[in-house]
Amino acid sequence: MTFAAPGAFAEQLMLTPKQTEGPFYPDHLPLDTDNDLLVVNDGITSSIGEVTHLSGRLLDAKSEPIRNAVVEIWQVDGKGVYLHSGSGGKEGRDTNFQGFGRFLTGSTGEYYFRTVKPVAYPGRTPHIHFAVKMKGRDKWTTQCYVKGTAQNDTDMVLQGIKDVKARESVIVDFAAIKESKIGELAAKFDIVMGYTPTDMGH
């Protein structure tokens, strides 16, 4: 089914595939849950890793922005450790990395995080977890992956997305920012959500 409207896409946007939350959603949220994961509270020591400016828009299938939604991310630090008591190697966790952040989307549906490029850990290719929370709807989760990573081809969670185009939609470029003197990266990940109960999932 297609929707035609002046200045709009003739077809619906591809919905971002839902993926597992995984076992490492923080079991104790940090006191600092803002969108800058590189600095904890008023700390002056930055995290280990490649600084990444992660942004995108939260859209519905008709390309309309979704505002006032909470976008959450969580990921391993530069050593491959989650902010979770069950994460492997937690003794060596980078305590200067927040590990979790939140952002409330505005009128354009945009979100922004400053974080580090994710690294691999045993059994998984590099990825960042996303959760979207909206009033009156179930929490919706997915994961975002790094383009050009060899482990993507063998990662069970990523390869579990059988539709090739849907799978490609969650793999994004972590590109060098030319003007950056410290080797910062930029990644853009738009999330397209359907509005039917089956898309939201339980």
Protein backbone atom coordinates (compact mmCIF):
# COMPACT_ATOMS: atom_id res chain seq x y z
CA MET A 1 0.00 0.00 0.00
CA THR A 2 1.40 3.40 -0.92
CA PHE A 3 0.62 6.89 0.25
CA ALA A 4 0.98 9.71 -2.26
CA ALA A 5 1.04 13.30 -1.08
CA PRO A 6 2.58 16.48 -2.46
CA GLY A 7 6.20 16.75 -1.39
CA ALA A 8 6.09 13.44 0.46
CA PHE A 9 7.51 10.05 -0.34
CA ALA A 10 5.20 8.07 -2.59
CA GLU A 11 5.80 4.97 -0.51
CA GLN A 12 5.95 4.51 3.19
CA LEU A 13 9.39 4.63 4.74
CA MET A 14 10.87 1.29 5.70
CA LEU A 15 10.23 0.60 9.35
CA THR A 16 13.32 0.16 11.50
CA PRO A 17 13.37 -3.49 12.60
CA LYS A 18 12.76 -4.15 16.26
CA GLN A 19 15.57 -6.01 18.03
CA THR A 20 16.13 -7.58 21.40
CA GLU A 21 16.89 -5.36 24.38
CA GLY A 22 19.56 -7.86 25.40
CA PRO A 23 20.58 -8.71 28.95
CA PHE A 24 22.64 -5.60 29.64
CA TYR A 25 20.15 -2.72 29.99
CA PRO A 26 21.72 -1.02 33.06
CA ASP A 27 20.53 -2.72 36.24
CA HIS A 28 21.53 0.41 38.18
CA LEU A 29 21.05 3.59 36.18
CA PRO A 30 23.87 6.11 36.56
CA LEU A 31 23.11 9.30 38.48
CA ASP A 32 24.05 11.12 35.29
CA THR A 33 21.69 10.12 32.46
CA ASP A 34 22.15 13.05 30.06
CA ASN A 35 23.07 12.77 26.38
CA ASP A 36 26.83 13.26 26.86
CA LEU A 37 28.21 9.82 27.72
CA LEU A 38 31.83 10.98 27.69
CA VAL A 39 31.71 12.95 30.91
CA VAL A 40 30.16 11.63 34.12
CA ASN A 41 28.56 14.36 36.25
CA ASP A 42 31.20 17.09 36.59
CA GLY A 43 34.16 14.83 35.88
CA ILE A 44 37.03 16.24 33.87
CA THR A 45 38.49 12.94 32.68
CA SER A 46 37.02 11.87 29.36
CA SER A 47 36.21 8.31 28.33
CA ILE A 48 38.47 5.94 26.42
CA GLY A 49 37.52 5.53 22.76
CA GLU A 50 36.79 7.30 19.48
CA VAL A 51 34.54 10.27 20.19
CA THR A 52 31.33 9.91 18.18
CA HIS A 53 28.55 12.41 17.57
CA LEU A 54 25.49 10.18 17.18
CA SER A 55 22.33 11.80 15.89
CA GLY A 56 19.21 11.08 13.90
CA ARG A 57 15.49 11.58 13.72
CA LEU A 58 12.59 9.63 15.13
CA LEU A 59 9.96 9.39 12.38
CA ASP A 60 6.71 7.61 11.66
CA ALA A 61 6.16 5.64 8.46
CA LYS A 62 4.86 8.76 6.67
CA SER A 63 8.08 10.63 7.47
CA GLU A 64 6.44 12.78 10.15
CA PRO A 65 8.64 13.58 13.17
CA ILE A 66 7.78 11.97 16.49
CA ARG A 67 8.20 14.57 19.23
CA ASN A 68 8.31 14.25 23.01
CA ALA A 69 9.65 10.70 22.87
CA VAL A 70 12.49 9.60 25.11
CA VAL A 71 15.35 8.01 23.17
CA GLU A 72 17.72 5.96 25.34
CA ILE A 73 21.03 4.41 24.34
CA TRP A 74 23.34 2.04 26.17
CA GLN A 75 26.53 0.37 25.02
CA VAL A 76 29.87 -1.04 26.09
CA ASP A 77 32.74 1.25 26.97
CA GLY A 78 36.05 1.32 25.07
CA LYS A 79 37.07 -1.90 26.84
CA GLY A 80 33.93 -3.82 25.87
CA VAL A 81 32.22 -3.61 29.28
CA TYR A 82 28.56 -2.65 29.94
CA LEU A 83 27.25 -0.60 32.84
CA HIS A 84 25.72 -3.77 34.29
CA SER A 85 26.62 -5.97 37.25
CA GLY A 86 26.54 -9.06 35.01
CA SER A 87 28.86 -7.71 32.32
CA GLY A 88 32.14 -9.55 31.75
CA GLY A 89 35.34 -7.71 32.71
CA LYS A 90 33.49 -5.25 34.94
CA GLU A 91 36.51 -4.84 37.24
CA GLY A 92 38.23 -3.02 34.37
CA ARG A 93 35.25 -0.88 33.36
CA ASP A 94 35.98 2.68 32.23
CA THR A 95 34.44 4.60 35.14
CA ASN A 96 34.66 7.84 33.12
CA PHE A 97 32.16 6.49 30.58
CA GLN A 98 28.49 6.98 31.39
CA GLY A 99 27.37 3.88 29.46
CA PHE A 100 23.76 5.09 29.18
CA GLY A 101 22.06 8.29 28.06
CA ARG A 102 18.66 9.81 27.37
CA PHE A 103 17.35 12.48 25.01
CA LEU A 104 13.84 13.93 24.62
CA THR A 105 12.98 14.54 20.95
CA GLY A 106 11.90 18.02 19.92
CA SER A 107 9.60 19.27 17.17
CA THR A 108 11.77 17.83 14.36
CA GLY A 109 12.04 14.41 16.04
CA GLU A 110 15.81 14.81 16.33
CA TYR A 111 18.02 13.29 18.99
CA TYR A 112 21.74 13.73 19.71
CA PHE A 113 24.31 11.89 21.82
CA ARG A 114 28.04 12.32 22.34
CA THR A 115 29.50 8.90 22.94
CA VAL A 116 32.31 6.57 21.79
CA LYS A 117 32.35 4.29 18.78
CA PRO A 118 31.22 0.88 20.02
CA VAL A 119 33.72 -1.97 20.16
CA ALA A 120 33.24 -5.71 19.81
CA TYR A 121 33.08 -8.03 22.79
CA PRO A 122 33.01 -11.85 22.84
CA GLY A 123 30.10 -13.08 20.76
CA ARG A 124 28.91 -9.73 19.39
CA THR A 125 29.83 -7.28 16.68
CA PRO A 126 30.04 -3.60 17.74
CA HIS A 127 26.58 -2.11 18.32
CA ILE A 128 24.63 0.48 20.29
CA HIS A 129 21.29 -0.38 21.88
CA PHE A 130 18.35 2.00 21.45
CA ALA A 131 15.07 2.17 23.33
CA VAL A 132 12.21 4.53 22.47
CA LYS A 133 9.66 5.37 25.15
CA MET A 134 6.41 7.13 24.34
CA LYS A 135 3.43 7.81 26.56
CA GLY A 136 0.83 5.07 26.34
CA ARG A 137 3.00 2.73 24.29
CA ASP A 138 5.25 -0.20 25.08
CA LYS A 139 8.99 0.43 25.14
CA TRP A 140 10.42 -0.28 21.67
CA THR A 141 14.01 -1.45 21.20
CA THR A 142 16.51 -1.87 18.39
CA GLN A 143 20.26 -1.86 17.82
CA CYS A 144 22.53 0.18 15.55
CA TYR A 145 25.66 -1.29 13.92
CA VAL A 146 28.92 0.00 12.43
CA LYS A 147 29.24 -0.22 8.65
CA GLY A 148 32.26 -2.12 7.36
CA THR A 149 32.74 -4.32 10.45
CA ALA A 150 33.66 -7.89 9.47
CA GLN A 151 31.80 -9.43 12.43
CA ASN A 152 28.50 -8.03 11.10
CA ASP A 153 28.34 -11.01 8.72
CA THR A 154 28.38 -13.54 11.55
CA ASP A 155 26.55 -11.68 14.31
CA MET A 156 23.49 -13.76 15.20
CA VAL A 157 21.35 -10.83 16.33
CA LEU A 158 22.04 -8.72 13.25
CA GLN A 159 21.73 -11.67 10.86
CA GLY A 160 18.45 -12.50 12.59
CA ILE A 161 16.95 -9.65 10.54
CA LYS A 162 16.08 -11.70 7.45
CA ASP A 163 14.97 -8.81 5.23
CA VAL A 164 18.19 -7.51 3.66
CA LYS A 165 16.97 -3.92 3.28
CA ALA A 166 15.74 -3.87 6.87
CA ARG A 167 19.09 -5.25 8.03
CA GLU A 168 20.96 -2.61 6.05
CA SER A 169 18.81 0.12 7.64
CA VAL A 170 20.39 -0.50 11.06
CA ILE A 171 24.01 -0.48 9.78
CA VAL A 172 25.38 3.07 9.67
CA ASP A 173 28.59 4.82 8.72
CA PHE A 174 30.76 6.09 11.57
CA ALA A 175 32.53 8.68 9.44
CA ALA A 176 35.51 10.85 10.30
CA ILE A 177 34.69 14.54 10.79
CA LYS A 178 37.21 16.30 8.53
CA GLU A 179 37.41 19.46 10.64
CA SER A 180 38.08 17.54 13.85
CA LYS A 181 41.62 17.79 15.19
CA ILE A 182 41.09 14.85 17.58
CA GLY A 183 39.69 12.27 15.17
CA GLU A 184 36.01 12.60 16.06
CA LEU A 185 33.38 10.62 14.18
CA ALA A 186 29.78 11.32 13.18
CA ALA A 187 27.05 8.71 12.82
CA LYS A 188 23.45 9.29 11.72
CA PHE A 189 20.75 6.76 12.54
CA ASP A 190 17.13 7.61 11.71
CA ILE A 191 14.54 5.45 13.45
CA VAL A 192 11.26 4.87 11.60
CA MET A 193 8.45 3.53 13.74
CA GLY A 194 5.13 2.05 12.76
CA TYR A 195 2.11 2.91 14.81
CA THR A 196 0.20 -0.34 14.91
CA PRO A 197 0.28 -2.59 17.99
CA THR A 198 2.02 -5.33 15.99
CA ASP A 199 4.90 -2.98 15.15
CA MET A 200 5.29 -1.86 18.74
CA GLY A 201 5.54 -5.42 20.01
CA HIS A 202 5.49 -6.63 23.59
